[in-house]
Amino acid sequence: MGAIKLSVEKVRNIRMLLATGNYTHLSLSKRYKVSRGHITKIANKMRRDENNYPQLRNGISQKNKDGIH
């Protein structure tokens, strides 16, 4: 398994940006310098992503769900 390339905060930001519908997986992969597949896994909250980012196991934190940053 490869090294974690993104902080938990960046993963949260990616998910929030994708939720706006204004960004593609490809555009975010270029922005964050990771593969498109990695963005897709983050977007889909796949199990491997949860293992890499255990803080995100339950999705976006309650703090972000309430719109507080």
C-alpha atoms as a PDB file:
ATOM      1  CA  MET A   1       0.000   0.000   0.000  1.00  0.00           C
ATOM      2  CA  GLY A   2       1.331   3.472  -0.877  1.00  0.00           C
ATOM      3  CA  ALA A   3       1.973   6.331   1.460  1.00  0.00           C
ATOM      4  CA  ILE A   4      -0.779   8.714   2.426  1.00  0.00           C
ATOM      5  CA  LYS A   5      -0.424  11.790   0.223  1.00  0.00           C
ATOM      6  CA  LEU A   6      -3.235  13.961   1.524  1.00  0.00           C
ATOM      7  CA  SER A   7      -4.029  15.304   4.966  1.00  0.00           C
ATOM      8  CA  VAL A   8      -7.398  14.591   6.505  1.00  0.00           C
ATOM      9  CA  GLU A   9      -8.288  18.256   6.019  1.00  0.00           C
ATOM     10  CA  LYS A  10      -7.508  18.017   2.289  1.00  0.00           C
ATOM     11  CA  VAL A  11      -9.677  14.906   1.994  1.00  0.00           C
ATOM     12  CA  ARG A  12     -12.544  16.777   3.646  1.00  0.00           C
ATOM     13  CA  ASN A  13     -12.015  19.698   1.274  1.00  0.00           C
ATOM     14  CA  ILE A  14     -12.027  17.389  -1.747  1.00  0.00           C
ATOM     15  CA  ARG A  15     -15.327  15.869  -0.655  1.00  0.00           C
ATOM     16  CA  MET A  16     -16.857  19.294  -0.095  1.00  0.00           C
ATOM     17  CA  LEU A  17     -15.638  20.550  -3.493  1.00  0.00           C
ATOM     18  CA  LEU A  18     -17.037  17.479  -5.229  1.00  0.00           C
ATOM     19  CA  ALA A  19     -20.356  17.967  -3.456  1.00  0.00           C
ATOM     20  CA  THR A  20     -20.707  21.388  -5.112  1.00  0.00           C
ATOM     21  CA  GLY A  21     -20.820  19.730  -8.524  1.00  0.00           C
ATOM     22  CA  ASN A  22     -18.385  22.314  -9.895  1.00  0.00           C
ATOM     23  CA  TYR A  23     -15.297  20.079  -9.955  1.00  0.00           C
ATOM     24  CA  THR A  24     -14.406  16.849 -11.726  1.00  0.00           C
ATOM     25  CA  HIS A  25     -12.274  14.063 -10.318  1.00  0.00           C
ATOM     26  CA  LEU A  26      -9.680  14.915 -12.955  1.00  0.00           C
ATOM     27  CA  SER A  27      -9.542  18.623 -12.088  1.00  0.00           C
ATOM     28  CA  LEU A  28      -9.127  17.843  -8.377  1.00  0.00           C
ATOM     29  CA  SER A  29      -6.481  15.210  -9.081  1.00  0.00           C
ATOM     30  CA  LYS A  30      -4.426  17.863 -10.866  1.00  0.00           C
ATOM     31  CA  ARG A  31      -5.057  20.422  -8.146  1.00  0.00           C
ATOM     32  CA  TYR A  32      -3.970  18.056  -5.334  1.00  0.00           C
ATOM     33  CA  LYS A  33      -1.322  16.212  -7.374  1.00  0.00           C
ATOM     34  CA  VAL A  34      -2.757  12.726  -6.868  1.00  0.00           C
ATOM     35  CA  SER A  35      -4.260  10.236  -9.296  1.00  0.00           C
ATOM     36  CA  ARG A  36      -7.816  10.542 -10.527  1.00  0.00           C
ATOM     37  CA  GLY A  37      -8.405   7.115  -9.033  1.00  0.00           C
ATOM     38  CA  HIS A  38      -7.390   8.386  -5.609  1.00  0.00           C
ATOM     39  CA  ILE A  39      -9.933  11.216  -5.890  1.00  0.00           C
ATOM     40  CA  THR A  40     -12.569   8.691  -6.934  1.00  0.00           C
ATOM     41  CA  LYS A  41     -11.818   6.549  -3.879  1.00  0.00           C
ATOM     42  CA  ILE A  42     -12.071   9.592  -1.650  1.00  0.00           C
ATOM     43  CA  ALA A  43     -15.364  10.571  -3.286  1.00  0.00           C
ATOM     44  CA  ASN A  44     -16.794   7.089  -2.896  1.00  0.00           C
ATOM     45  CA  LYS A  45     -15.518   6.740   0.673  1.00  0.00           C
ATOM     46  CA  MET A  46     -14.165   3.345  -0.263  1.00  0.00           C
ATOM     47  CA  ARG A  47     -12.904   1.020   2.436  1.00  0.00           C
ATOM     48  CA  ARG A  48      -9.268   1.502   1.463  1.00  0.00           C
ATOM     49  CA  ASP A  49      -9.708   5.236   1.871  1.00  0.00           C
ATOM     50  CA  GLU A  50     -11.240   4.702   5.304  1.00  0.00           C
ATOM     51  CA  ASN A  51      -8.251   2.613   6.323  1.00  0.00           C
ATOM     52  CA  ASN A  52      -5.879   5.370   5.197  1.00  0.00           C
ATOM     53  CA  TYR A  53      -7.967   8.086   6.858  1.00  0.00           C
ATOM     54  CA  PRO A  54      -9.579   6.506   9.948  1.00  0.00           C
ATOM     55  CA  GLN A  55     -10.733   9.947  11.119  1.00  0.00           C
ATOM     56  CA  LEU A  56     -13.086   9.973   8.142  1.00  0.00           C
ATOM     57  CA  ARG A  57     -14.608   6.552   8.780  1.00  0.00           C
ATOM     58  CA  ASN A  58     -18.011   8.169   9.374  1.00  0.00           C
ATOM     59  CA  GLY A  59     -17.729  10.573   6.454  1.00  0.00           C
ATOM     60  CA  ILE A  60     -17.404  14.304   6.881  1.00  0.00           C
ATOM     61  CA  SER A  61     -17.084  15.256  10.525  1.00  0.00           C
ATOM     62  CA  GLN A  62     -20.037  16.678  12.409  1.00  0.00           C
ATOM     63  CA  LYS A  63     -18.210  20.033  12.487  1.00  0.00           C
ATOM     64  CA  ASN A  64     -18.280  20.213   8.681  1.00  0.00           C
ATOM     65  CA  LYS A  65     -21.828  18.863   8.378  1.00  0.00           C
ATOM     66  CA  ASP A  66     -23.029  21.858  10.370  1.00  0.00           C
ATOM     67  CA  GLY A  67     -21.192  24.194   8.016  1.00  0.00           C
ATOM     68  CA  ILE A  68     -18.676  25.261  10.641  1.00  0.00           C
ATOM     69  CA  HIS A  69     -15.075  25.224   9.460  1.00  0.00           C
END
